Amino acid sequence: MKNYDTLSEAINDLVLQGYTANFNLKGDCIEDLDTDIPLHPADFEIDEIHRFEGMTDPEDECILYAISSTTHDVKGLLVNAYGIYSDVYSAELAAKLHTHK
């Protein structure tokens, strides 16, 4: 797995690798914002995780997930804050996002 210096560098490179869907957290699933397709934890795999820490501001801390789903034939990216600024989501989804093979 490649190491990136910035979030934008990682996003640009992963988009070139085919991770083009824009995912968002939605309760017990992640959702493809372009198609409104919900992906539940059993429907997707986390291919890569990259953490970025803000140089001076804790609000800049985030995690980038490269996610794929053979069920829905889609690959995309999910950006989420971590620490005290992270979004609230279901326990099952949290377990999936915090576990990486």
Protein backbone atom coordinates (compact mmCIF):
# COMPACT_ATOMS: atom_id res chain seq x y z
CA MET A 1 0.00 0.00 0.00
CA LYS A 2 1.33 3.40 -0.98
CA ASN A 3 1.91 6.13 1.61
CA TYR A 4 0.59 9.59 0.80
CA ASP A 5 1.65 12.95 2.23
CA THR A 6 -1.72 14.66 1.76
CA LEU A 7 -5.39 13.74 1.51
CA SER A 8 -5.68 15.33 -1.94
CA GLU A 9 -2.70 13.32 -3.22
CA ALA A 10 -4.30 10.11 -1.97
CA ILE A 11 -7.70 10.92 -3.47
CA ASN A 12 -6.21 11.83 -6.85
CA ASP A 13 -4.17 8.61 -7.01
CA LEU A 14 -7.02 6.36 -5.87
CA VAL A 15 -9.41 7.92 -8.39
CA LEU A 16 -6.86 7.01 -11.09
CA GLN A 17 -7.02 3.44 -9.74
CA GLY A 18 -10.79 3.36 -10.31
CA TYR A 19 -12.16 4.48 -6.93
CA THR A 20 -14.59 6.95 -8.47
CA ALA A 21 -17.76 6.64 -6.35
CA ASN A 22 -18.28 9.21 -3.62
CA PHE A 23 -19.42 7.42 -0.44
CA ASN A 24 -21.02 8.95 2.62
CA LEU A 25 -21.91 7.47 6.03
CA LYS A 26 -25.63 6.93 6.53
CA GLY A 27 -26.65 5.20 9.79
CA ASP A 28 -26.10 1.48 9.29
CA CYS A 29 -24.58 1.69 5.81
CA ILE A 30 -22.51 3.76 3.45
CA GLU A 31 -24.23 5.31 0.47
CA ASP A 32 -23.05 6.09 -3.04
CA LEU A 33 -24.02 9.77 -3.31
CA ASP A 34 -24.40 9.60 -7.11
CA THR A 35 -26.72 6.56 -7.23
CA ASP A 36 -28.23 6.50 -3.70
CA ILE A 37 -27.24 2.82 -3.46
CA PRO A 38 -26.81 1.80 0.20
CA LEU A 39 -23.92 -0.56 0.94
CA HIS A 40 -24.31 -2.50 4.16
CA PRO A 41 -21.23 -3.97 5.89
CA ALA A 42 -21.64 -7.35 4.18
CA ASP A 43 -21.82 -5.66 0.75
CA PHE A 44 -18.35 -4.08 0.66
CA GLU A 45 -14.68 -4.54 1.44
CA ILE A 46 -12.19 -1.98 2.66
CA ASP A 47 -9.20 -2.18 0.33
CA GLU A 48 -7.08 0.57 1.88
CA ILE A 49 -7.15 2.92 4.85
CA HIS A 50 -5.12 6.12 5.05
CA ARG A 51 -5.01 8.40 8.11
CA PHE A 52 -4.11 12.06 7.93
CA GLU A 53 -3.40 14.34 10.87
CA GLY A 54 -3.77 18.10 10.71
CA MET A 55 -0.56 20.04 11.17
CA THR A 56 -2.07 22.57 13.58
CA ASP A 57 -5.80 21.94 13.81
CA PRO A 58 -7.33 18.72 15.24
CA GLU A 59 -10.38 19.30 13.01
CA ASP A 60 -8.18 18.41 10.05
CA GLU A 61 -7.72 14.81 11.22
CA CYS A 62 -9.41 12.35 8.89
CA ILE A 63 -9.45 8.83 7.54
CA LEU A 64 -9.71 7.96 3.85
CA TYR A 65 -11.21 4.56 3.03
CA ALA A 66 -10.83 2.97 -0.42
CA ILE A 67 -13.91 0.74 -0.65
CA SER A 68 -15.08 -1.79 -3.23
CA SER A 69 -18.22 -3.83 -3.67
CA THR A 70 -18.43 -6.77 -6.05
CA THR A 71 -22.14 -7.05 -5.19
CA HIS A 72 -22.82 -3.60 -6.66
CA ASP A 73 -19.79 -3.45 -8.99
CA VAL A 74 -18.56 -0.16 -7.55
CA LYS A 75 -15.33 1.25 -6.14
CA GLY A 76 -15.14 4.52 -4.29
CA LEU A 77 -13.85 6.66 -1.47
CA LEU A 78 -15.16 7.58 1.96
CA VAL A 79 -13.56 10.42 3.91
CA ASN A 80 -14.43 10.68 7.60
CA ALA A 81 -13.11 12.66 10.52
CA TYR A 82 -11.78 10.69 13.45
CA GLY A 83 -11.46 11.24 17.14
CA ILE A 84 -13.96 13.59 18.73
CA TYR A 85 -15.09 14.89 15.33
CA SER A 86 -16.05 11.52 13.84
CA ASP A 87 -19.57 10.83 12.60
CA VAL A 88 -21.98 8.57 14.45
CA TYR A 89 -22.85 5.29 12.75
CA SER A 90 -24.11 1.84 13.68
CA ALA A 91 -22.01 -0.57 15.73
CA GLU A 92 -21.89 -3.05 12.84
CA LEU A 93 -20.66 -0.42 10.41
CA ALA A 94 -18.16 0.90 12.97
CA ALA A 95 -16.77 -2.63 13.43
CA LYS A 96 -16.35 -3.00 9.68
CA LEU A 97 -14.65 0.39 9.29
CA HIS A 98 -12.26 -0.28 12.18
CA THR A 99 -11.27 -3.73 10.94
CA HIS A 100 -8.99 -4.10 7.96
CA LYS A 101 -7.63 -7.39 6.65
